[in-house]
């Protein structure tokens, strides 16, 4: 579902995609945001709070932490 939503959103905004320098990063960030939105909707629908999803670590921060750990323990 999320992938189809992403493709549709990109298609609808295809005229604006020329100004984006890093299309891969844009697509991945868009997919992440769509997935978070879908999870929030499911959590809210199930009676749970969306704070659980909001407190998820930032993917960029996770990568930086992994790089730091890799530098410490090669």
PDB file of N, CA and C in Angstrom:
ATOM      1  N   UNK A   1       0.814  -1.198   0.000  1.00  0.00           N
ATOM      2  CA  UNK A   1       0.000   0.000   0.000  1.00  0.00           C
ATOM      3  C   UNK A   1       0.857   1.260   0.000  1.00  0.00           C
ATOM      4  N   UNK A   2       1.883   1.271   0.848  1.00  0.00           N
ATOM      5  CA  UNK A   2       2.721   2.467   0.953  1.00  0.00           C
ATOM      6  C   UNK A   2       3.465   2.726  -0.355  1.00  0.00           C
ATOM      7  N   UNK A   3       3.944   1.670  -0.987  1.00  0.00           N
ATOM      8  CA  UNK A   3       4.668   1.846  -2.248  1.00  0.00           C
ATOM      9  C   UNK A   3       3.756   2.425  -3.325  1.00  0.00           C
ATOM     10  N   UNK A   4       2.543   1.911  -3.403  1.00  0.00           N
ATOM     11  CA  UNK A   4       1.594   2.438  -4.385  1.00  0.00           C
ATOM     12  C   UNK A   4       1.274   3.908  -4.104  1.00  0.00           C
ATOM     13  N   UNK A   5       1.123   4.245  -2.834  1.00  0.00           N
ATOM     14  CA  UNK A   5       0.879   5.643  -2.471  1.00  0.00           C
ATOM     15  C   UNK A   5       2.057   6.525  -2.880  1.00  0.00           C
ATOM     16  N   UNK A   6       3.268   6.017  -2.652  1.00  0.00           N
ATOM     17  CA  UNK A   6       4.456   6.779  -3.025  1.00  0.00           C
ATOM     18  C   UNK A   6       4.510   7.008  -4.529  1.00  0.00           C
ATOM     19  N   UNK A   7       4.270   5.964  -5.297  1.00  0.00           N
ATOM     20  CA  UNK A   7       4.299   6.096  -6.757  1.00  0.00           C
ATOM     21  C   UNK A   7       3.255   7.111  -7.221  1.00  0.00           C
ATOM     22  N   UNK A   8       2.084   7.049  -6.642  1.00  0.00           N
ATOM     23  CA  UNK A   8       1.025   7.995  -7.019  1.00  0.00           C
ATOM     24  C   UNK A   8       1.417   9.436  -6.670  1.00  0.00           C
ATOM     25  N   UNK A   9       1.974   9.632  -5.484  1.00  0.00           N
ATOM     26  CA  UNK A   9       2.378  10.985  -5.080  1.00  0.00           C
ATOM     27  C   UNK A   9       3.488  11.520  -5.975  1.00  0.00           C
ATOM     28  N   UNK A  10       4.454  10.649  -6.292  1.00  0.00           N
ATOM     29  CA  UNK A  10       5.533  11.078  -7.187  1.00  0.00           C
ATOM     30  C   UNK A  10       4.988  11.402  -8.574  1.00  0.00           C
ATOM     31  N   UNK A  11       4.070  10.590  -9.055  1.00  0.00           N
ATOM     32  CA  UNK A  11       3.478  10.827 -10.368  1.00  0.00           C
ATOM     33  C   UNK A  11       2.702  12.151 -10.388  1.00  0.00           C
ATOM     34  N   UNK A  12       1.952  12.399  -9.330  1.00  0.00           N
ATOM     35  CA  UNK A  12       1.176  13.636  -9.261  1.00  0.00           C
ATOM     36  C   UNK A  12       2.073  14.868  -9.199  1.00  0.00           C
ATOM     37  N   UNK A  13       3.278  14.706  -8.677  1.00  0.00           N
ATOM     38  CA  UNK A  13       4.211  15.834  -8.540  1.00  0.00           C
ATOM     39  C   UNK A  13       5.377  15.736  -9.520  1.00  0.00           C
ATOM     40  N   UNK A  14       5.203  15.003 -10.579  1.00  0.00           N
ATOM     41  CA  UNK A  14       6.298  14.754 -11.522  1.00  0.00           C
ATOM     42  C   UNK A  14       6.866  16.042 -12.114  1.00  0.00           C
ATOM     43  N   UNK A  15       6.060  17.083 -12.229  1.00  0.00           N
ATOM     44  CA  UNK A  15       6.547  18.357 -12.756  1.00  0.00           C
ATOM     45  C   UNK A  15       7.536  19.026 -11.803  1.00  0.00           C
ATOM     46  N   UNK A  16       7.426  18.726 -10.519  1.00  0.00           N
ATOM     47  CA  UNK A  16       8.270  19.358  -9.506  1.00  0.00           C
ATOM     48  C   UNK A  16       9.536  18.558  -9.216  1.00  0.00           C
ATOM     49  N   UNK A  17       9.658  17.363  -9.749  1.00  0.00           N
ATOM     50  CA  UNK A  17      10.782  16.492  -9.418  1.00  0.00           C
ATOM     51  C   UNK A  17      12.107  16.964 -10.013  1.00  0.00           C
ATOM     52  N   UNK A  18      12.052  17.811 -11.024  1.00  0.00           N
ATOM     53  CA  UNK A  18      13.285  18.287 -11.653  1.00  0.00           C
ATOM     54  C   UNK A  18      14.142  19.123 -10.712  1.00  0.00           C
ATOM     55  N   UNK A  19      13.541  19.780  -9.752  1.00  0.00           N
ATOM     56  CA  UNK A  19      14.303  20.643  -8.851  1.00  0.00           C
ATOM     57  C   UNK A  19      14.968  19.864  -7.713  1.00  0.00           C
ATOM     58  N   UNK A  20      14.633  18.595  -7.567  1.00  0.00           N
ATOM     59  CA  UNK A  20      15.191  17.774  -6.490  1.00  0.00           C
ATOM     60  C   UNK A  20      16.543  17.242  -6.935  1.00  0.00           C
ATOM     61  N   UNK A  21      17.577  17.527  -6.140  1.00  0.00           N
ATOM     62  CA  UNK A  21      18.926  17.108  -6.496  1.00  0.00           C
ATOM     63  C   UNK A  21      19.143  15.616  -6.263  1.00  0.00           C
ATOM     64  N   UNK A  22      18.761  15.126  -5.099  1.00  0.00           N
ATOM     65  CA  UNK A  22      18.990  13.725  -4.757  1.00  0.00           C
ATOM     66  C   UNK A  22      17.642  13.007  -4.740  1.00  0.00           C
ATOM     67  N   UNK A  23      17.277  12.474  -5.875  1.00  0.00           N
ATOM     68  CA  UNK A  23      15.961  11.840  -6.017  1.00  0.00           C
ATOM     69  C   UNK A  23      15.840  10.567  -5.182  1.00  0.00           C
ATOM     70  N   UNK A  24      16.944   9.845  -5.029  1.00  0.00           N
ATOM     71  CA  UNK A  24      16.907   8.624  -4.225  1.00  0.00           C
ATOM     72  C   UNK A  24      16.626   8.960  -2.758  1.00  0.00           C
ATOM     73  N   UNK A  25      17.324   9.937  -2.229  1.00  0.00           N
ATOM     74  CA  UNK A  25      17.102  10.335  -0.837  1.00  0.00           C
ATOM     75  C   UNK A  25      15.684  10.872  -0.654  1.00  0.00           C
ATOM     76  N   UNK A  26      15.218  11.639  -1.623  1.00  0.00           N
ATOM     77  CA  UNK A  26      13.857  12.166  -1.561  1.00  0.00           C
ATOM     78  C   UNK A  26      12.837  11.032  -1.537  1.00  0.00           C
ATOM     79  N   UNK A  27      13.044  10.032  -2.399  1.00  0.00           N
ATOM     80  CA  UNK A  27      12.116   8.896  -2.464  1.00  0.00           C
ATOM     81  C   UNK A  27      12.124   8.096  -1.167  1.00  0.00           C
ATOM     82  N   UNK A  28      13.314   7.852  -0.625  1.00  0.00           N
ATOM     83  CA  UNK A  28      13.409   7.085   0.620  1.00  0.00           C
ATOM     84  C   UNK A  28      12.780   7.841   1.791  1.00  0.00           C
ATOM     85  N   UNK A  29      13.024   9.136   1.854  1.00  0.00           N
ATOM     86  CA  UNK A  29      12.423   9.937   2.917  1.00  0.00           C
ATOM     87  C   UNK A  29      10.907   9.975   2.774  1.00  0.00           C
ATOM     88  N   UNK A  30      10.440  10.098   1.539  1.00  0.00           N
ATOM     89  CA  UNK A  30       8.993  10.094   1.293  1.00  0.00           C
ATOM     90  C   UNK A  30       8.380   8.766   1.711  1.00  0.00           C
ATOM     91  N   UNK A  31       9.057   7.661   1.395  1.00  0.00           N
ATOM     92  CA  UNK A  31       8.547   6.337   1.767  1.00  0.00           C
ATOM     93  C   UNK A  31       8.506   6.199   3.282  1.00  0.00           C
ATOM     94  N   UNK A  32       9.554   6.654   3.943  1.00  0.00           N
ATOM     95  CA  UNK A  32       9.587   6.578   5.405  1.00  0.00           C
ATOM     96  C   UNK A  32       8.419   7.359   5.997  1.00  0.00           C
ATOM     97  N   UNK A  33       8.199   8.571   5.499  1.00  0.00           N
ATOM     98  CA  UNK A  33       7.111   9.402   6.016  1.00  0.00           C
ATOM     99  C   UNK A  33       5.748   8.769   5.766  1.00  0.00           C
ATOM    100  N   UNK A  34       5.568   8.168   4.602  1.00  0.00           N
ATOM    101  CA  UNK A  34       4.302   7.482   4.315  1.00  0.00           C
ATOM    102  C   UNK A  34       4.088   6.310   5.267  1.00  0.00           C
ATOM    103  N   UNK A  35       5.138   5.552   5.522  1.00  0.00           N
ATOM    104  CA  UNK A  35       5.019   4.408   6.437  1.00  0.00           C
ATOM    105  C   UNK A  35       4.689   4.870   7.851  1.00  0.00           C
ATOM    106  N   UNK A  36       5.327   5.940   8.291  1.00  0.00           N
ATOM    107  CA  UNK A  36       5.027   6.481   9.622  1.00  0.00           C
ATOM    108  C   UNK A  36       3.577   6.938   9.683  1.00  0.00           C
ATOM    109  N   UNK A  37       3.114   7.607   8.629  1.00  0.00           N
ATOM    110  CA  UNK A  37       1.710   8.036   8.591  1.00  0.00           C
ATOM    111  C   UNK A  37       0.760   6.848   8.666  1.00  0.00           C
ATOM    112  N   UNK A  38       1.067   5.792   7.912  1.00  0.00           N
ATOM    113  CA  UNK A  38       0.217   4.596   7.943  1.00  0.00           C
ATOM    114  C   UNK A  38       0.221   3.948   9.323  1.00  0.00           C
ATOM    115  N   UNK A  39       1.393   3.884   9.958  1.00  0.00           N
ATOM    116  CA  UNK A  39       1.474   3.312  11.304  1.00  0.00           C
ATOM    117  C   UNK A  39       0.680   4.150  12.302  1.00  0.00           C
ATOM    118  N   UNK A  40       0.782   5.456  12.189  1.00  0.00           N
ATOM    119  CA  UNK A  40       0.014   6.328  13.089  1.00  0.00           C
ATOM    120  C   UNK A  40      -1.480   6.087  12.934  1.00  0.00           C
ATOM    121  N   UNK A  41      -1.926   5.975  11.695  1.00  0.00           N
ATOM    122  CA  UNK A  41      -3.351   5.731  11.456  1.00  0.00           C
ATOM    123  C   UNK A  41      -3.783   4.399  12.052  1.00  0.00           C
ATOM    124  N   UNK A  42      -2.945   3.370  11.891  1.00  0.00           N
ATOM    125  CA  UNK A  42      -3.289   2.059  12.446  1.00  0.00           C
ATOM    126  C   UNK A  42      -3.307   2.103  13.967  1.00  0.00           C
ATOM    127  N   UNK A  43      -2.333   2.800  14.556  1.00  0.00           N
ATOM    128  CA  UNK A  43      -2.287   2.895  16.015  1.00  0.00           C
ATOM    129  C   UNK A  43      -3.484   3.671  16.548  1.00  0.00           C
ATOM    130  N   UNK A  44      -3.824   4.763  15.896  1.00  0.00           N
ATOM    131  CA  UNK A  44      -4.975   5.548  16.336  1.00  0.00           C
ATOM    132  C   UNK A  44      -6.261   4.759  16.156  1.00  0.00           C
ATOM    133  N   UNK A  45      -6.365   4.034  15.080  1.00  0.00           N
ATOM    134  CA  UNK A  45      -7.556   3.230  14.824  1.00  0.00           C
ATOM    135  C   UNK A  45      -7.687   2.122  15.859  1.00  0.00           C
ATOM    136  N   UNK A  46      -6.563   1.578  16.292  1.00  0.00           N
ATOM    137  CA  UNK A  46      -6.573   0.501  17.269  1.00  0.00           C
ATOM    138  C   UNK A  46      -6.715   0.985  18.695  1.00  0.00           C
ATOM    139  N   UNK A  47      -6.815   2.293  18.889  1.00  0.00           N
ATOM    140  CA  UNK A  47      -6.981   2.820  20.230  1.00  0.00           C
ATOM    141  C   UNK A  47      -5.672   3.105  20.940  1.00  0.00           C
ATOM    142  N   UNK A  48      -4.556   2.908  20.272  1.00  0.00           N
ATOM    143  CA  UNK A  48      -3.258   3.194  20.865  1.00  0.00           C
ATOM    144  C   UNK A  48      -2.847   4.606  20.495  1.00  0.00           C
ATOM    145  N   UNK A  49      -1.904   5.132  21.218  1.00  0.00           N
ATOM    146  CA  UNK A  49      -1.453   6.486  20.907  1.00  0.00           C
ATOM    147  C   UNK A  49      -0.387   6.447  19.824  1.00  0.00           C
ATOM    148  N   UNK A  50      -0.319   7.505  19.066  1.00  0.00           N
ATOM    149  CA  UNK A  50       0.675   7.612  17.997  1.00  0.00           C
ATOM    150  C   UNK A  50       2.032   8.039  18.545  1.00  0.00           C
ATOM    151  N   UNK A  51       2.112   8.294  19.843  1.00  0.00           N
ATOM    152  CA  UNK A  51       3.383   8.706  20.436  1.00  0.00           C
ATOM    153  C   UNK A  51       4.442   7.628  20.289  1.00  0.00           C
ATOM    154  N   UNK A  52       4.031   6.389  20.210  1.00  0.00           N
ATOM    155  CA  UNK A  52       4.983   5.290  20.053  1.00  0.00           C
ATOM    156  C   UNK A  52       5.752   5.473  18.754  1.00  0.00           C
ATOM    157  N   UNK A  53       5.062   5.775  17.692  1.00  0.00           N
ATOM    158  CA  UNK A  53       5.706   5.971  16.397  1.00  0.00           C
ATOM    159  C   UNK A  53       6.541   7.238  16.414  1.00  0.00           C
ATOM    160  N   UNK A  54       6.045   8.281  17.041  1.00  0.00           N
ATOM    161  CA  UNK A  54       6.764   9.552  17.078  1.00  0.00           C
ATOM    162  C   UNK A  54       8.085   9.425  17.814  1.00  0.00           C
ATOM    163  N   UNK A  55       8.161   8.526  18.757  1.00  0.00           N
ATOM    164  CA  UNK A  55       9.384   8.383  19.535  1.00  0.00           C
ATOM    165  C   UNK A  55      10.394   7.459  18.869  1.00  0.00           C
ATOM    166  N   UNK A  56      10.082   6.960  17.686  1.00  0.00           N
ATOM    167  CA  UNK A  56      11.017   6.103  16.964  1.00  0.00           C
ATOM    168  C   UNK A  56      12.262   6.906  16.618  1.00  0.00           C
ATOM    169  N   UNK A  57      13.432   6.256  16.699  1.00  0.00           N
ATOM    170  CA  UNK A  57      14.668   6.982  16.410  1.00  0.00           C
ATOM    171  C   UNK A  57      14.725   7.437  14.956  1.00  0.00           C
ATOM    172  N   UNK A  58      15.395   8.534  14.744  1.00  0.00           N
ATOM    173  CA  UNK A  58      15.579   9.080  13.408  1.00  0.00           C
ATOM    174  C   UNK A  58      16.522   8.164  12.624  1.00  0.00           C
ATOM    175  N   UNK A  59      16.172   7.765  11.392  1.00  0.00           N
ATOM    176  CA  UNK A  59      17.029   6.867  10.612  1.00  0.00           C
ATOM    177  C   UNK A  59      18.435   7.424  10.406  1.00  0.00           C
ATOM    178  N   UNK A  60      18.549   8.724  10.199  1.00  0.00           N
ATOM    179  CA  UNK A  60      19.872   9.332  10.018  1.00  0.00           C
ATOM    180  C   UNK A  60      20.695   9.179  11.292  1.00  0.00           C
ATOM    181  N   UNK A  61      20.059   9.373  12.431  1.00  0.00           N
ATOM    182  CA  UNK A  61      20.742   9.234  13.709  1.00  0.00           C
ATOM    183  C   UNK A  61      21.192   7.793  13.911  1.00  0.00           C
ATOM    184  N   UNK A  62      20.354   6.837  13.533  1.00  0.00           N
ATOM    185  CA  UNK A  62      20.719   5.431  13.655  1.00  0.00           C
ATOM    186  C   UNK A  62      21.945   5.110  12.813  1.00  0.00           C
ATOM    187  N   UNK A  63      21.986   5.611  11.578  1.00  0.00           N
ATOM    188  CA  UNK A  63      23.133   5.363  10.709  1.00  0.00           C
ATOM    189  C   UNK A  63      24.405   5.965  11.285  1.00  0.00           C
ATOM    190  N   UNK A  64      24.305   7.166  11.832  1.00  0.00           N
ATOM    191  CA  UNK A  64      25.469   7.804  12.431  1.00  0.00           C
ATOM    192  C   UNK A  64      25.968   7.008  13.634  1.00  0.00           C
ATOM    193  N   UNK A  65      25.049   6.492  14.436  1.00  0.00           N
ATOM    194  CA  UNK A  65      25.445   5.677  15.587  1.00  0.00           C
ATOM    195  C   UNK A  65      26.100   4.377  15.140  1.00  0.00           C
ATOM    196  N   UNK A  66      25.565   3.763  14.094  1.00  0.00           N
ATOM    197  CA  UNK A  66      26.168   2.539  13.572  1.00  0.00           C
ATOM    198  C   UNK A  66      27.566   2.809  13.032  1.00  0.00           C
ATOM    199  N   UNK A  67      27.734   3.930  12.327  1.00  0.00           N
ATOM    200  CA  UNK A  67      29.059   4.298  11.820  1.00  0.00           C
ATOM    201  C   UNK A  67      30.030   4.520  12.967  1.00  0.00           C
ATOM    202  N   UNK A  68      29.567   5.178  14.018  1.00  0.00           N
ATOM    203  CA  UNK A  68      30.424   5.414  15.178  1.00  0.00           C
ATOM    204  C   UNK A  68      30.839   4.101  15.820  1.00  0.00           C
ATOM    205  N   UNK A  69      29.889   3.186  15.970  1.00  0.00           N
ATOM    206  CA  UNK A  69      30.213   1.884  16.550  1.00  0.00           C
ATOM    207  C   UNK A  69      31.167   1.107  15.662  1.00  0.00           C
ATOM    208  N   UNK A  70      30.972   1.212  14.364  1.00  0.00           N
ATOM    209  CA  UNK A  70      31.859   0.513  13.430  1.00  0.00           C
ATOM    210  C   UNK A  70      33.278   1.078  13.520  1.00  0.00           C
ATOM    211  N   UNK A  71      33.402   2.389  13.715  1.00  0.00           N
ATOM    212  CA  UNK A  71      34.721   3.004  13.850  1.00  0.00           C
ATOM    213  C   UNK A  71      35.403   2.576  15.140  1.00  0.00           C
ATOM    214  N   UNK A  72      34.619   2.338  16.178  1.00  0.00           N
ATOM    215  CA  UNK A  72      35.176   1.899  17.457  1.00  0.00           C
ATOM    216  C   UNK A  72      35.564   0.428  17.395  1.00  0.00           C
ATOM    217  N   UNK A  73      34.701  -0.395  16.794  1.00  0.00           N
ATOM    218  CA  UNK A  73      34.917  -1.837  16.697  1.00  0.00           C
ATOM    219  C   UNK A  73      34.931  -2.248  15.227  1.00  0.00           C
ATOM    220  N   UNK A  74      36.044  -2.040  14.519  1.00  0.00           N
ATOM    221  CA  UNK A  74      36.072  -2.375  13.078  1.00  0.00           C
ATOM    222  C   UNK A  74      35.963  -3.840  12.787  1.00  0.00           C
TER     223      UNK A  74
END
